Amino acid sequence: MKKKTNPIVSILVSIVIPAIILSKFSDAAHLGVLPGFLIALAFPIGLSLYELIVQKQVGFIAVIGLVSIFCTGIIGVLELPSEWMAYKEAAVPLLIGAAVIISLWTPYPLIKKLFYNEEFMDVKRIDGILKEKGEEEHFEKVLRNSTYMVGASFLLSTVLNFTLTKIIVKSPSGTEAFNQELGKLTALSYPAIALPSTIVMVIALWYLFKQITKITGLPFEELMSEKLRDKTNDNKTQQK
């Protein structure tokens, strides 16, 4: 399995570097408005393409993220009304949240695909205990509740994205001021949007795993997949 991108590198390439380029180097004295805009977008686009092509991470969220970046580029290059940025920023988490909720009515709920899978959890053992205790229906209810909570995190992100974009981005697209405002929006997107949404998602996952341990009667360590258990034990051994 290919090694995933370091989270620090991802934040630097997707948020920090583009924000610096847009806010500090996209004026006429440095890169210029359009070159600065395109160079700033090149960093997250390059990372997204690397993850999609080289690391084979072709999940729905990654694709939506790449489409979002291209839409930002189109708005800037074609100098479309800056108001479109607010709708674009709100549309991305709204689409993801809708997909999470709608997946409940498909054979492949996203909550299972993302978290209740054999890479992460000992699915066979858990399913066996659920069947033995007759708790399958209870567990499905827990999955539904967790899914709604994850969907709510994206709904929160939708509202925050739209509000923050409307407050910050006011200048016409294709201008130096627009680039600077986009840089400010990019810089604030993590603490003002991603962090609150992540907290809600963490609560949802805590609820899911807490309920699994409660239903099965097993500690969380014994619910992890064998691969994760071995990795955890190896880390503990190295720390001693």
Protein backbone atom coordinates (compact mmCIF):
# COMPACT_ATOMS: atom_id res chain seq x y z
CA MET A 1 0.00 0.00 0.00
CA LYS A 2 1.30 3.45 -0.96
CA LYS A 3 2.28 5.78 1.86
CA LYS A 4 -0.27 8.54 2.42
CA THR A 5 0.68 12.21 2.24
CA ASN A 6 1.96 13.62 5.53
CA PRO A 7 -0.82 15.82 7.04
CA ILE A 8 1.66 18.66 7.67
CA VAL A 9 2.80 18.57 4.03
CA SER A 10 -0.84 18.53 2.92
CA ILE A 11 -1.66 21.63 5.01
CA LEU A 12 1.43 23.45 3.74
CA VAL A 13 0.77 22.67 0.08
CA SER A 14 -3.02 23.09 0.12
CA ILE A 15 -3.41 26.03 2.51
CA VAL A 16 -0.25 27.83 3.67
CA ILE A 17 1.70 28.21 0.41
CA PRO A 18 -1.32 29.22 -1.75
CA ALA A 19 -2.42 31.72 0.92
CA ILE A 20 1.05 33.34 1.01
CA ILE A 21 1.26 33.54 -2.79
CA LEU A 22 -2.22 35.02 -3.14
CA SER A 23 -1.88 37.56 -0.35
CA LYS A 24 1.78 38.61 -0.73
CA PHE A 25 3.02 37.85 -4.26
CA SER A 26 0.09 38.28 -6.67
CA ASP A 27 0.45 42.04 -7.07
CA ALA A 28 1.97 43.84 -10.07
CA ALA A 29 5.33 44.21 -8.32
CA HIS A 30 5.81 40.43 -8.02
CA LEU A 31 4.05 37.65 -9.97
CA GLY A 32 1.07 39.62 -11.23
CA VAL A 33 -2.63 38.95 -10.70
CA LEU A 34 -3.27 36.06 -13.11
CA PRO A 35 0.14 34.31 -12.84
CA GLY A 36 -0.02 34.56 -9.05
CA PHE A 37 -3.52 33.12 -9.04
CA LEU A 38 -2.56 30.21 -11.31
CA ILE A 39 0.68 29.44 -9.43
CA ALA A 40 -1.20 29.41 -6.10
CA LEU A 41 -3.77 26.99 -7.52
CA ALA A 42 -1.03 24.79 -8.99
CA PHE A 43 0.06 23.61 -5.52
CA PRO A 44 -3.26 22.07 -4.31
CA ILE A 45 -4.04 20.85 -7.85
CA GLY A 46 -0.65 19.14 -8.06
CA LEU A 47 -1.12 17.50 -4.66
CA SER A 48 -4.64 16.33 -5.57
CA LEU A 49 -3.45 14.85 -8.87
CA TYR A 50 -0.55 13.14 -7.09
CA GLU A 51 -2.89 11.55 -4.56
CA LEU A 52 -5.39 10.52 -7.24
CA ILE A 53 -2.90 9.15 -9.80
CA VAL A 54 0.14 7.99 -7.82
CA GLN A 55 -1.43 7.00 -4.49
CA LYS A 56 -4.63 5.75 -6.16
CA GLN A 57 -6.83 7.66 -3.69
CA VAL A 58 -9.83 8.08 -5.97
CA GLY A 59 -12.48 8.53 -3.31
CA PHE A 60 -15.53 10.73 -3.74
CA ILE A 61 -14.23 13.43 -1.41
CA ALA A 62 -10.87 13.67 -3.21
CA VAL A 63 -12.63 14.05 -6.57
CA ILE A 64 -14.97 16.73 -5.19
CA GLY A 65 -11.99 18.58 -3.77
CA LEU A 66 -10.21 18.57 -7.13
CA VAL A 67 -13.35 19.78 -8.92
CA SER A 68 -13.66 22.56 -6.34
CA ILE A 69 -10.12 23.76 -7.04
CA PHE A 70 -10.76 23.80 -10.79
CA CYS A 71 -13.99 25.77 -10.24
CA THR A 72 -12.02 28.34 -8.23
CA GLY A 73 -9.60 28.59 -11.14
CA ILE A 74 -12.41 29.09 -13.64
CA ILE A 75 -13.97 31.87 -11.56
CA GLY A 76 -10.64 33.68 -11.33
CA VAL A 77 -9.38 33.17 -14.88
CA LEU A 78 -12.70 33.98 -16.58
CA GLU A 79 -13.31 36.82 -14.13
CA LEU A 80 -16.79 35.59 -13.26
CA PRO A 81 -18.79 37.43 -10.55
CA SER A 82 -17.05 37.04 -7.20
CA GLU A 83 -20.41 36.15 -5.61
CA TRP A 84 -20.04 32.76 -7.27
CA MET A 85 -17.22 31.95 -4.85
CA ALA A 86 -19.62 31.82 -1.89
CA TYR A 87 -21.91 29.37 -3.68
CA LYS A 88 -18.97 27.28 -4.86
CA GLU A 89 -17.48 27.14 -1.36
CA ALA A 90 -20.85 26.11 0.11
CA ALA A 91 -21.62 23.58 -2.63
CA VAL A 92 -18.62 21.34 -1.94
CA PRO A 93 -19.36 20.32 1.70
CA LEU A 94 -23.09 20.29 0.88
CA LEU A 95 -22.53 17.71 -1.87
CA ILE A 96 -20.33 15.58 0.38
CA GLY A 97 -22.82 15.76 3.26
CA ALA A 98 -25.70 14.86 0.93
CA ALA A 99 -23.73 11.89 -0.42
CA VAL A 100 -23.06 10.67 3.14
CA ILE A 101 -26.76 10.80 4.06
CA ILE A 102 -28.05 9.39 0.74
CA SER A 103 -25.62 6.47 1.02
CA LEU A 104 -27.76 5.17 3.91
CA TRP A 105 -30.32 4.05 1.33
CA THR A 106 -27.74 2.22 -0.79
CA PRO A 107 -25.99 -1.13 -0.27
CA TYR A 108 -22.78 0.78 0.55
CA PRO A 109 -23.22 3.33 3.36
CA LEU A 110 -20.21 5.66 3.40
CA ILE A 111 -19.87 5.43 7.18
CA LYS A 112 -19.13 1.71 6.77
CA LYS A 113 -16.79 2.27 3.83
CA LEU A 114 -14.82 4.94 5.66
CA PHE A 115 -14.66 3.60 9.21
CA TYR A 116 -16.31 0.19 9.61
CA ASN A 117 -14.07 -1.74 7.25
CA GLU A 118 -11.55 -4.57 7.52
CA GLU A 119 -8.57 -2.23 7.22
CA PHE A 120 -9.58 -0.48 10.43
CA MET A 121 -11.92 -2.76 12.38
CA ASP A 122 -12.13 -6.52 13.02
CA VAL A 123 -15.40 -6.64 11.10
CA LYS A 124 -15.83 -10.43 11.13
CA ARG A 125 -15.39 -10.65 14.89
CA ILE A 126 -17.75 -7.73 15.55
CA ASP A 127 -20.39 -9.07 13.16
CA GLY A 128 -20.16 -12.45 14.86
CA ILE A 129 -20.75 -10.93 18.30
CA LEU A 130 -23.64 -8.81 17.00
CA LYS A 131 -25.30 -11.88 15.49
CA GLU A 132 -24.72 -13.91 18.63
CA LYS A 133 -26.28 -11.22 20.83
CA GLY A 134 -29.06 -10.37 18.36
CA GLU A 135 -27.90 -6.76 18.24
CA GLU A 136 -27.75 -6.30 14.44
CA GLU A 137 -30.74 -3.94 14.38
CA HIS A 138 -29.37 -1.91 17.29
CA PHE A 139 -26.03 -1.61 15.51
CA GLU A 140 -27.68 -0.44 12.28
CA LYS A 141 -29.40 2.30 14.29
CA VAL A 142 -26.03 3.35 15.72
CA LEU A 143 -24.62 3.52 12.18
CA ARG A 144 -27.55 5.67 11.05
CA ASN A 145 -27.11 8.06 13.99
CA SER A 146 -23.36 8.31 13.29
CA THR A 147 -24.07 8.98 9.62
CA TYR A 148 -26.47 11.82 10.47
CA MET A 149 -23.87 13.33 12.79
CA VAL A 150 -21.17 13.15 10.10
CA GLY A 151 -23.63 14.70 7.64
CA ALA A 152 -24.29 17.47 10.17
CA SER A 153 -20.55 18.25 10.28
CA PHE A 154 -20.63 18.91 6.53
CA LEU A 155 -23.80 20.98 6.89
CA LEU A 156 -22.00 23.11 9.48
CA SER A 157 -19.10 23.45 7.05
CA THR A 158 -21.55 24.56 4.33
CA VAL A 159 -22.94 27.37 6.48
CA LEU A 160 -19.48 28.49 7.68
CA ASN A 161 -18.02 28.36 4.15
CA PHE A 162 -20.81 30.48 2.70
CA THR A 163 -20.77 33.01 5.54
CA LEU A 164 -17.00 33.45 5.65
CA THR A 165 -16.73 33.77 1.86
CA LYS A 166 -19.48 36.42 1.74
CA ILE A 167 -17.72 38.39 4.48
CA ILE A 168 -14.21 38.21 2.97
CA VAL A 169 -14.52 38.00 -0.82
CA LYS A 170 -16.03 41.25 -2.08
CA SER A 171 -13.73 42.45 -4.89
CA PRO A 172 -14.22 41.59 -8.59
CA SER A 173 -12.51 38.36 -9.64
CA GLY A 174 -9.34 38.72 -11.69
CA THR A 175 -8.09 41.63 -9.59
CA GLU A 176 -5.23 41.91 -7.12
CA ALA A 177 -7.71 42.58 -4.31
CA PHE A 178 -9.64 39.41 -5.20
CA ASN A 179 -6.45 37.34 -4.98
CA GLN A 180 -5.61 38.84 -1.60
CA GLU A 181 -9.11 38.14 -0.30
CA LEU A 182 -8.91 34.59 -1.62
CA GLY A 183 -5.58 34.18 0.18
CA LYS A 184 -7.15 35.41 3.40
CA LEU A 185 -10.10 33.03 2.90
CA THR A 186 -7.71 30.13 2.31
CA ALA A 187 -5.72 30.97 5.44
CA LEU A 188 -8.84 31.23 7.62
CA SER A 189 -10.56 28.16 6.18
CA TYR A 190 -8.76 25.75 8.49
CA PRO A 191 -9.28 27.38 11.91
CA ALA A 192 -12.69 28.90 11.09
CA ILE A 193 -14.25 26.09 9.07
CA ALA A 194 -12.32 22.83 9.12
CA LEU A 195 -11.69 22.81 12.87
CA PRO A 196 -15.35 23.17 14.05
CA SER A 197 -16.51 20.65 11.43
CA THR A 198 -13.77 18.24 12.45
CA ILE A 199 -14.82 18.49 16.10
CA VAL A 200 -18.39 17.50 15.16
CA MET A 201 -17.06 14.59 13.10
CA VAL A 202 -14.81 13.42 15.94
CA ILE A 203 -17.84 13.43 18.27
CA ALA A 204 -19.71 11.31 15.72
CA LEU A 205 -16.87 8.79 15.52
CA TRP A 206 -16.47 8.75 19.31
CA TYR A 207 -20.19 7.92 19.55
CA LEU A 208 -19.85 5.14 16.96
CA PHE A 209 -16.88 3.44 18.60
CA LYS A 210 -18.26 3.96 22.11
CA GLN A 211 -21.47 2.22 21.10
CA ILE A 212 -19.59 -0.64 19.44
CA THR A 213 -17.60 -1.28 22.61
CA LYS A 214 -20.80 -1.07 24.66
CA ILE A 215 -22.72 -3.50 22.45
CA THR A 216 -19.90 -6.04 22.05
CA GLY A 217 -18.49 -5.74 25.57
CA LEU A 218 -14.95 -5.57 24.14
CA PRO A 219 -12.38 -2.80 24.68
CA PHE A 220 -11.60 -0.70 21.62
CA GLU A 221 -8.12 -2.23 21.21
CA GLU A 222 -9.70 -5.65 20.61
CA LEU A 223 -12.08 -4.24 18.00
CA MET A 224 -9.26 -2.99 15.77
CA SER A 225 -8.14 -4.99 12.75
CA GLU A 226 -5.27 -7.40 13.25
CA LYS A 227 -3.01 -5.16 11.16
CA LEU A 228 -3.69 -2.14 13.39
CA ARG A 229 -3.28 -4.20 16.56
CA ASP A 230 0.13 -5.42 15.39
CA LYS A 231 1.17 -1.88 14.47
CA THR A 232 0.03 -0.58 17.88
CA ASN A 233 1.92 -3.34 19.70
CA ASP A 234 5.06 -2.64 17.64
CA ASN A 235 4.89 1.05 18.55
CA LYS A 236 4.50 0.21 22.23
CA THR A 237 7.50 -2.14 22.02
CA GLN A 238 9.65 0.54 20.37
CA GLN A 239 8.73 3.08 23.06
CA LYS A 240 9.89 0.81 25.88
